Amino acid sequence: MTAALRSPVRSAPRSRRAMPVREALEWAFGTECARLDHDEIEAVGGTGWRPFGMEYVALERAQLGTRVDTSRGRSRPHDDTELIATVVRNVLPWYAATLVADLARAGRTPDWMPDARPRLKPEDWTVNRWGRHAKTADAATLGIEGWQPIPRRNRKGVIVHDAVRFTPCHWDPTPTRIAAARRAYLDWWGYLLEVQAALKGEELAQISLTGDMPPMRPWQG
């Protein structure tokens, strides 16, 4: 049996690795250390998605007289990572692109405050020999119009007005803070969806993008 001949120049095609968009971003920015190119004019004026390929990136770098840092101690990033970084930079506003890149580099998601519930807590505490207790205050300090202390007679029959004590409390965390954290997570999820849609139209050499996404609302179980 004759062995199949292969071109000495062209290597055998390798199967692409399937990755969801979040894993692809973490590989590009975390493992391969891809970076975003910041164009100050476009960052201020805004920019939409343009189908930039590696040829465009190479042409732009040649015109600017720049190239990838291949100095000793650094390896050249994979072409796929540069394409991913270019897509992230051009499909998202600058603040969103840097957020996506920073979280991918750290392998994290936005903190959506898991298990957070608004709880009513005392404003301050006092500690004595009987333990730790919530501090109280005089209701007169509230300045409520028409409020009167409670009158009573003491042992000598004298009418006295007792101060009404209450415990100042606050909500921690506040519902607004929890809602803001989860809104930020939904924004990040939407950014990933935009990047995923843009990368679907690109020809990546090493990876194949799947349709898997992180949970959209993980706080709903």
C-alpha atoms as a PDB file:
ATOM      1  CA  MET A   1       0.000   0.000   0.000  1.00  0.00           C
ATOM      2  CA  THR A   2       1.385   3.347  -1.037  1.00  0.00           C
ATOM      3  CA  ALA A   3       1.400   6.017   1.611  1.00  0.00           C
ATOM      4  CA  ALA A   4      -0.498   9.192   0.800  1.00  0.00           C
ATOM      5  CA  LEU A   5       1.775  11.933  -0.423  1.00  0.00           C
ATOM      6  CA  ARG A   6       1.631  15.341   1.193  1.00  0.00           C
ATOM      7  CA  SER A   7       3.062  18.596  -0.017  1.00  0.00           C
ATOM      8  CA  PRO A   8       6.318  19.416   1.794  1.00  0.00           C
ATOM      9  CA  VAL A   9       5.234  23.060   1.842  1.00  0.00           C
ATOM     10  CA  ARG A  10       1.570  22.897   2.819  1.00  0.00           C
ATOM     11  CA  SER A  11       0.925  21.139   6.108  1.00  0.00           C
ATOM     12  CA  ALA A  12      -2.102  18.956   6.663  1.00  0.00           C
ATOM     13  CA  PRO A  13      -5.198  20.947   7.700  1.00  0.00           C
ATOM     14  CA  ARG A  14      -5.900  20.854  11.405  1.00  0.00           C
ATOM     15  CA  SER A  15      -9.370  20.762  12.866  1.00  0.00           C
ATOM     16  CA  ARG A  16     -10.458  23.964  14.521  1.00  0.00           C
ATOM     17  CA  ARG A  17     -11.161  24.032  18.232  1.00  0.00           C
ATOM     18  CA  ALA A  18     -14.771  24.810  19.137  1.00  0.00           C
ATOM     19  CA  MET A  19     -15.082  27.680  21.621  1.00  0.00           C
ATOM     20  CA  PRO A  20     -17.948  29.788  22.949  1.00  0.00           C
ATOM     21  CA  VAL A  21     -17.424  33.519  22.654  1.00  0.00           C
ATOM     22  CA  ARG A  22     -16.429  34.021  26.285  1.00  0.00           C
ATOM     23  CA  GLU A  23     -13.760  31.302  26.108  1.00  0.00           C
ATOM     24  CA  ALA A  24     -12.484  32.738  22.815  1.00  0.00           C
ATOM     25  CA  LEU A  25     -12.126  36.179  24.406  1.00  0.00           C
ATOM     26  CA  GLU A  26     -10.332  34.762  27.453  1.00  0.00           C
ATOM     27  CA  TRP A  27      -7.982  32.851  25.148  1.00  0.00           C
ATOM     28  CA  ALA A  28      -7.276  35.938  23.042  1.00  0.00           C
ATOM     29  CA  PHE A  29      -6.823  38.494  25.828  1.00  0.00           C
ATOM     30  CA  GLY A  30      -5.743  36.239  28.691  1.00  0.00           C
ATOM     31  CA  THR A  31      -3.637  33.465  27.161  1.00  0.00           C
ATOM     32  CA  GLU A  32      -2.383  35.201  24.009  1.00  0.00           C
ATOM     33  CA  CYS A  33      -2.235  38.689  25.594  1.00  0.00           C
ATOM     34  CA  ALA A  34      -4.001  40.463  22.738  1.00  0.00           C
ATOM     35  CA  ARG A  35      -4.317  44.238  23.083  1.00  0.00           C
ATOM     36  CA  LEU A  36      -6.725  46.858  21.830  1.00  0.00           C
ATOM     37  CA  ASP A  37      -5.523  49.673  19.581  1.00  0.00           C
ATOM     38  CA  HIS A  38      -6.983  52.939  20.866  1.00  0.00           C
ATOM     39  CA  ASP A  39      -7.860  55.524  18.239  1.00  0.00           C
ATOM     40  CA  GLU A  40      -8.618  58.707  20.187  1.00  0.00           C
ATOM     41  CA  ILE A  41     -10.648  60.317  17.364  1.00  0.00           C
ATOM     42  CA  GLU A  42     -12.842  57.262  16.806  1.00  0.00           C
ATOM     43  CA  ALA A  43     -13.203  56.707  20.551  1.00  0.00           C
ATOM     44  CA  VAL A  44     -14.646  60.196  20.960  1.00  0.00           C
ATOM     45  CA  GLY A  45     -16.657  60.325  17.754  1.00  0.00           C
ATOM     46  CA  GLY A  46     -17.959  56.780  17.893  1.00  0.00           C
ATOM     47  CA  THR A  47     -17.541  54.057  15.314  1.00  0.00           C
ATOM     48  CA  GLY A  48     -19.604  51.241  13.927  1.00  0.00           C
ATOM     49  CA  TRP A  49     -18.630  47.732  12.909  1.00  0.00           C
ATOM     50  CA  ARG A  50     -16.549  47.369   9.781  1.00  0.00           C
ATOM     51  CA  PRO A  51     -15.539  43.924   8.516  1.00  0.00           C
ATOM     52  CA  PHE A  52     -11.808  44.264   9.114  1.00  0.00           C
ATOM     53  CA  GLY A  53      -9.722  41.248   8.178  1.00  0.00           C
ATOM     54  CA  MET A  54      -6.082  40.465   8.863  1.00  0.00           C
ATOM     55  CA  GLU A  55      -5.103  42.013   5.525  1.00  0.00           C
ATOM     56  CA  TYR A  56      -6.560  45.351   6.688  1.00  0.00           C
ATOM     57  CA  VAL A  57      -4.741  45.110  10.033  1.00  0.00           C
ATOM     58  CA  ALA A  58      -1.433  44.344   8.287  1.00  0.00           C
ATOM     59  CA  LEU A  59      -1.940  47.213   5.819  1.00  0.00           C
ATOM     60  CA  GLU A  60      -2.735  49.706   8.577  1.00  0.00           C
ATOM     61  CA  ARG A  61       0.318  48.663  10.573  1.00  0.00           C
ATOM     62  CA  ALA A  62       2.528  48.965   7.483  1.00  0.00           C
ATOM     63  CA  GLN A  63       1.251  52.498   6.832  1.00  0.00           C
ATOM     64  CA  LEU A  64       1.869  53.477  10.442  1.00  0.00           C
ATOM     65  CA  GLY A  65       5.290  51.866  10.438  1.00  0.00           C
ATOM     66  CA  THR A  66       4.434  49.566  13.354  1.00  0.00           C
ATOM     67  CA  ARG A  67       4.623  45.845  13.833  1.00  0.00           C
ATOM     68  CA  VAL A  68       3.949  43.239  16.467  1.00  0.00           C
ATOM     69  CA  ASP A  69       6.527  43.090  19.255  1.00  0.00           C
ATOM     70  CA  THR A  70       8.549  39.932  18.547  1.00  0.00           C
ATOM     71  CA  SER A  71      11.468  40.807  20.774  1.00  0.00           C
ATOM     72  CA  ARG A  72      13.192  38.174  22.857  1.00  0.00           C
ATOM     73  CA  GLY A  73      10.979  36.852  25.616  1.00  0.00           C
ATOM     74  CA  ARG A  74       7.741  37.519  23.724  1.00  0.00           C
ATOM     75  CA  SER A  75       6.014  35.317  21.164  1.00  0.00           C
ATOM     76  CA  ARG A  76       3.966  36.682  18.298  1.00  0.00           C
ATOM     77  CA  PRO A  77       0.228  36.562  19.078  1.00  0.00           C
ATOM     78  CA  HIS A  78      -1.826  34.171  16.997  1.00  0.00           C
ATOM     79  CA  ASP A  79      -3.529  35.767  13.991  1.00  0.00           C
ATOM     80  CA  ASP A  80      -6.931  34.775  15.383  1.00  0.00           C
ATOM     81  CA  THR A  81      -6.289  36.776  18.545  1.00  0.00           C
ATOM     82  CA  GLU A  82      -5.485  39.910  16.574  1.00  0.00           C
ATOM     83  CA  LEU A  83      -8.662  39.465  14.551  1.00  0.00           C
ATOM     84  CA  ILE A  84     -10.704  38.984  17.735  1.00  0.00           C
ATOM     85  CA  ALA A  85      -9.175  42.106  19.287  1.00  0.00           C
ATOM     86  CA  THR A  86      -9.917  44.082  16.108  1.00  0.00           C
ATOM     87  CA  VAL A  87     -13.536  42.928  16.134  1.00  0.00           C
ATOM     88  CA  VAL A  88     -13.956  43.847  19.808  1.00  0.00           C
ATOM     89  CA  ARG A  89     -12.374  47.264  19.216  1.00  0.00           C
ATOM     90  CA  ASN A  90     -14.596  48.118  16.241  1.00  0.00           C
ATOM     91  CA  VAL A  91     -17.939  46.567  17.129  1.00  0.00           C
ATOM     92  CA  LEU A  92     -18.121  48.069  20.628  1.00  0.00           C
ATOM     93  CA  PRO A  93     -17.689  51.573  22.044  1.00  0.00           C
ATOM     94  CA  TRP A  94     -14.267  52.072  23.599  1.00  0.00           C
ATOM     95  CA  TYR A  95     -15.448  51.865  27.215  1.00  0.00           C
ATOM     96  CA  ALA A  96     -17.312  48.616  26.455  1.00  0.00           C
ATOM     97  CA  ALA A  97     -14.377  47.150  24.524  1.00  0.00           C
ATOM     98  CA  THR A  98     -11.959  47.796  27.392  1.00  0.00           C
ATOM     99  CA  LEU A  99     -14.439  46.315  29.886  1.00  0.00           C
ATOM    100  CA  VAL A 100     -14.838  43.144  27.818  1.00  0.00           C
ATOM    101  CA  ALA A 101     -11.071  42.839  27.317  1.00  0.00           C
ATOM    102  CA  ASP A 102     -10.216  43.446  30.995  1.00  0.00           C
ATOM    103  CA  LEU A 103     -12.769  40.914  32.244  1.00  0.00           C
ATOM    104  CA  ALA A 104     -11.616  38.348  29.670  1.00  0.00           C
ATOM    105  CA  ARG A 105      -7.995  38.932  30.652  1.00  0.00           C
ATOM    106  CA  ALA A 106      -8.882  38.258  34.300  1.00  0.00           C
ATOM    107  CA  GLY A 107     -11.203  35.355  33.467  1.00  0.00           C
ATOM    108  CA  ARG A 108     -14.081  37.018  35.330  1.00  0.00           C
ATOM    109  CA  THR A 109     -17.623  38.197  34.777  1.00  0.00           C
ATOM    110  CA  PRO A 110     -19.116  41.403  36.191  1.00  0.00           C
ATOM    111  CA  ASP A 111     -20.071  41.068  39.852  1.00  0.00           C
ATOM    112  CA  TRP A 112     -23.846  40.673  39.732  1.00  0.00           C
ATOM    113  CA  MET A 113     -23.983  40.298  43.538  1.00  0.00           C
ATOM    114  CA  PRO A 114     -24.997  36.631  43.885  1.00  0.00           C
ATOM    115  CA  ASP A 115     -27.422  35.879  46.729  1.00  0.00           C
ATOM    116  CA  ALA A 116     -27.673  39.596  47.570  1.00  0.00           C
ATOM    117  CA  ARG A 117     -30.843  40.547  49.422  1.00  0.00           C
ATOM    118  CA  PRO A 118     -31.724  43.962  50.848  1.00  0.00           C
ATOM    119  CA  ARG A 119     -31.464  43.682  54.630  1.00  0.00           C
ATOM    120  CA  LEU A 120     -32.440  46.228  57.244  1.00  0.00           C
ATOM    121  CA  LYS A 121     -29.417  46.922  59.448  1.00  0.00           C
ATOM    122  CA  PRO A 122     -28.772  49.344  62.344  1.00  0.00           C
ATOM    123  CA  GLU A 123     -26.837  52.462  61.452  1.00  0.00           C
ATOM    124  CA  ASP A 124     -24.448  51.970  64.369  1.00  0.00           C
ATOM    125  CA  TRP A 125     -23.625  49.541  67.160  1.00  0.00           C
ATOM    126  CA  THR A 126     -22.597  49.805  70.779  1.00  0.00           C
ATOM    127  CA  VAL A 127     -20.639  47.225  72.751  1.00  0.00           C
ATOM    128  CA  ASN A 128     -20.814  46.844  76.536  1.00  0.00           C
ATOM    129  CA  ARG A 129     -20.439  44.085  79.082  1.00  0.00           C
ATOM    130  CA  TRP A 130     -23.791  42.630  78.040  1.00  0.00           C
ATOM    131  CA  GLY A 131     -22.753  42.263  74.414  1.00  0.00           C
ATOM    132  CA  ARG A 132     -23.236  44.072  71.114  1.00  0.00           C
ATOM    133  CA  HIS A 133     -26.400  46.080  70.646  1.00  0.00           C
ATOM    134  CA  ALA A 134     -27.827  48.454  68.065  1.00  0.00           C
ATOM    135  CA  LYS A 135     -27.494  52.098  69.016  1.00  0.00           C
ATOM    136  CA  THR A 136     -30.717  54.005  69.684  1.00  0.00           C
ATOM    137  CA  ALA A 137     -31.568  57.692  69.302  1.00  0.00           C
ATOM    138  CA  ASP A 138     -34.120  60.124  70.669  1.00  0.00           C
ATOM    139  CA  ALA A 139     -37.144  60.503  68.404  1.00  0.00           C
ATOM    140  CA  ALA A 140     -37.102  64.232  69.142  1.00  0.00           C
ATOM    141  CA  THR A 141     -34.005  64.516  66.971  1.00  0.00           C
ATOM    142  CA  LEU A 142     -36.095  63.576  63.932  1.00  0.00           C
ATOM    143  CA  GLY A 143     -37.743  67.005  63.937  1.00  0.00           C
ATOM    144  CA  ILE A 144     -41.196  65.624  63.106  1.00  0.00           C
ATOM    145  CA  GLU A 145     -43.811  68.386  63.305  1.00  0.00           C
ATOM    146  CA  GLY A 146     -46.503  67.785  65.921  1.00  0.00           C
ATOM    147  CA  TRP A 147     -44.543  65.054  67.704  1.00  0.00           C
ATOM    148  CA  GLN A 148     -44.980  65.043  71.500  1.00  0.00           C
ATOM    149  CA  PRO A 149     -43.122  62.991  74.127  1.00  0.00           C
ATOM    150  CA  ILE A 150     -45.138  60.407  76.065  1.00  0.00           C
ATOM    151  CA  PRO A 151     -46.273  61.834  79.464  1.00  0.00           C
ATOM    152  CA  ARG A 152     -46.383  59.651  82.596  1.00  0.00           C
ATOM    153  CA  ARG A 153     -46.344  59.995  86.375  1.00  0.00           C
ATOM    154  CA  ASN A 154     -43.288  58.906  88.274  1.00  0.00           C
ATOM    155  CA  ARG A 155     -43.291  57.405  91.764  1.00  0.00           C
ATOM    156  CA  LYS A 156     -43.669  60.830  93.334  1.00  0.00           C
ATOM    157  CA  GLY A 157     -46.700  61.617  91.163  1.00  0.00           C
ATOM    158  CA  VAL A 158     -44.870  64.153  89.065  1.00  0.00           C
ATOM    159  CA  ILE A 159     -45.714  64.161  85.376  1.00  0.00           C
ATOM    160  CA  VAL A 160     -42.632  63.590  83.293  1.00  0.00           C
ATOM    161  CA  HIS A 161     -42.187  63.226  79.564  1.00  0.00           C
ATOM    162  CA  ASP A 162     -40.183  60.211  78.536  1.00  0.00           C
ATOM    163  CA  ALA A 163     -38.072  60.354  75.422  1.00  0.00           C
ATOM    164  CA  VAL A 164     -39.117  57.962  72.688  1.00  0.00           C
ATOM    165  CA  ARG A 165     -36.163  55.870  71.621  1.00  0.00           C
ATOM    166  CA  PHE A 166     -35.769  54.289  68.189  1.00  0.00           C
ATOM    167  CA  THR A 167     -33.081  52.462  66.239  1.00  0.00           C
ATOM    168  CA  PRO A 168     -31.883  54.249  63.072  1.00  0.00           C
ATOM    169  CA  CYS A 169     -31.597  51.657  60.301  1.00  0.00           C
ATOM    170  CA  HIS A 170     -30.639  51.453  56.655  1.00  0.00           C
ATOM    171  CA  TRP A 171     -30.951  48.935  53.830  1.00  0.00           C
ATOM    172  CA  ASP A 172     -27.731  47.115  52.941  1.00  0.00           C
ATOM    173  CA  PRO A 173     -27.293  46.435  50.112  1.00  0.00           C
ATOM    174  CA  THR A 174     -29.879  48.765  48.681  1.00  0.00           C
ATOM    175  CA  PRO A 175     -32.242  47.517  45.955  1.00  0.00           C
ATOM    176  CA  THR A 176     -30.793  50.230  43.687  1.00  0.00           C
ATOM    177  CA  ARG A 177     -27.259  48.913  44.141  1.00  0.00           C
ATOM    178  CA  ILE A 178     -28.316  45.335  43.358  1.00  0.00           C
ATOM    179  CA  ALA A 179     -30.273  46.459  40.294  1.00  0.00           C
ATOM    180  CA  ALA A 180     -27.282  48.486  39.016  1.00  0.00           C
ATOM    181  CA  ALA A 181     -24.933  45.507  39.390  1.00  0.00           C
ATOM    182  CA  ARG A 182     -27.291  43.251  37.455  1.00  0.00           C
ATOM    183  CA  ARG A 183     -27.870  45.882  34.809  1.00  0.00           C
ATOM    184  CA  ALA A 184     -24.085  46.020  34.317  1.00  0.00           C
ATOM    185  CA  TYR A 185     -24.014  42.230  33.913  1.00  0.00           C
ATOM    186  CA  LEU A 186     -26.772  42.394  31.290  1.00  0.00           C
ATOM    187  CA  ASP A 187     -24.820  45.102  29.447  1.00  0.00           C
ATOM    188  CA  TRP A 188     -21.724  42.845  29.424  1.00  0.00           C
ATOM    189  CA  TRP A 189     -23.839  39.924  28.191  1.00  0.00           C
ATOM    190  CA  GLY A 190     -25.127  42.117  25.360  1.00  0.00           C
ATOM    191  CA  TYR A 191     -21.577  43.129  24.426  1.00  0.00           C
ATOM    192  CA  LEU A 192     -20.608  39.463  24.141  1.00  0.00           C
ATOM    193  CA  LEU A 193     -23.629  38.830  21.929  1.00  0.00           C
ATOM    194  CA  GLU A 194     -22.545  41.647  19.592  1.00  0.00           C
ATOM    195  CA  VAL A 195     -18.986  40.302  19.426  1.00  0.00           C
ATOM    196  CA  GLN A 196     -20.268  36.786  18.790  1.00  0.00           C
ATOM    197  CA  ALA A 197     -22.450  37.953  15.890  1.00  0.00           C
ATOM    198  CA  ALA A 198     -19.538  39.877  14.355  1.00  0.00           C
ATOM    199  CA  LEU A 199     -17.070  36.995  14.711  1.00  0.00           C
ATOM    200  CA  LYS A 200     -19.522  34.597  13.040  1.00  0.00           C
ATOM    201  CA  GLY A 201     -18.822  36.400   9.768  1.00  0.00           C
ATOM    202  CA  GLU A 202     -15.040  36.106  10.117  1.00  0.00           C
ATOM    203  CA  GLU A 203     -12.796  33.240   9.070  1.00  0.00           C
ATOM    204  CA  LEU A 204     -10.833  32.203  12.139  1.00  0.00           C
ATOM    205  CA  ALA A 205      -7.982  29.794  11.463  1.00  0.00           C
ATOM    206  CA  GLN A 206      -7.657  27.978  14.783  1.00  0.00           C
ATOM    207  CA  ILE A 207     -11.023  28.204  16.502  1.00  0.00           C
ATOM    208  CA  SER A 208     -14.629  27.640  15.550  1.00  0.00           C
ATOM    209  CA  LEU A 209     -17.067  29.864  17.408  1.00  0.00           C
ATOM    210  CA  THR A 210     -20.091  28.124  18.913  1.00  0.00           C
ATOM    211  CA  GLY A 211     -23.422  29.701  19.774  1.00  0.00           C
ATOM    212  CA  ASP A 212     -23.046  29.131  23.512  1.00  0.00           C
ATOM    213  CA  MET A 213     -23.427  32.158  25.765  1.00  0.00           C
ATOM    214  CA  PRO A 214     -23.041  32.695  29.522  1.00  0.00           C
ATOM    215  CA  PRO A 215     -26.325  32.638  31.485  1.00  0.00           C
ATOM    216  CA  MET A 216     -28.287  35.774  30.693  1.00  0.00           C
ATOM    217  CA  ARG A 217     -29.823  36.152  34.163  1.00  0.00           C
ATOM    218  CA  PRO A 218     -27.928  33.855  36.557  1.00  0.00           C
ATOM    219  CA  TRP A 219     -29.732  35.392  39.555  1.00  0.00           C
ATOM    220  CA  GLN A 220     -32.950  33.752  38.330  1.00  0.00           C
ATOM    221  CA  GLY A 221     -31.529  30.295  38.956  1.00  0.00           C
END
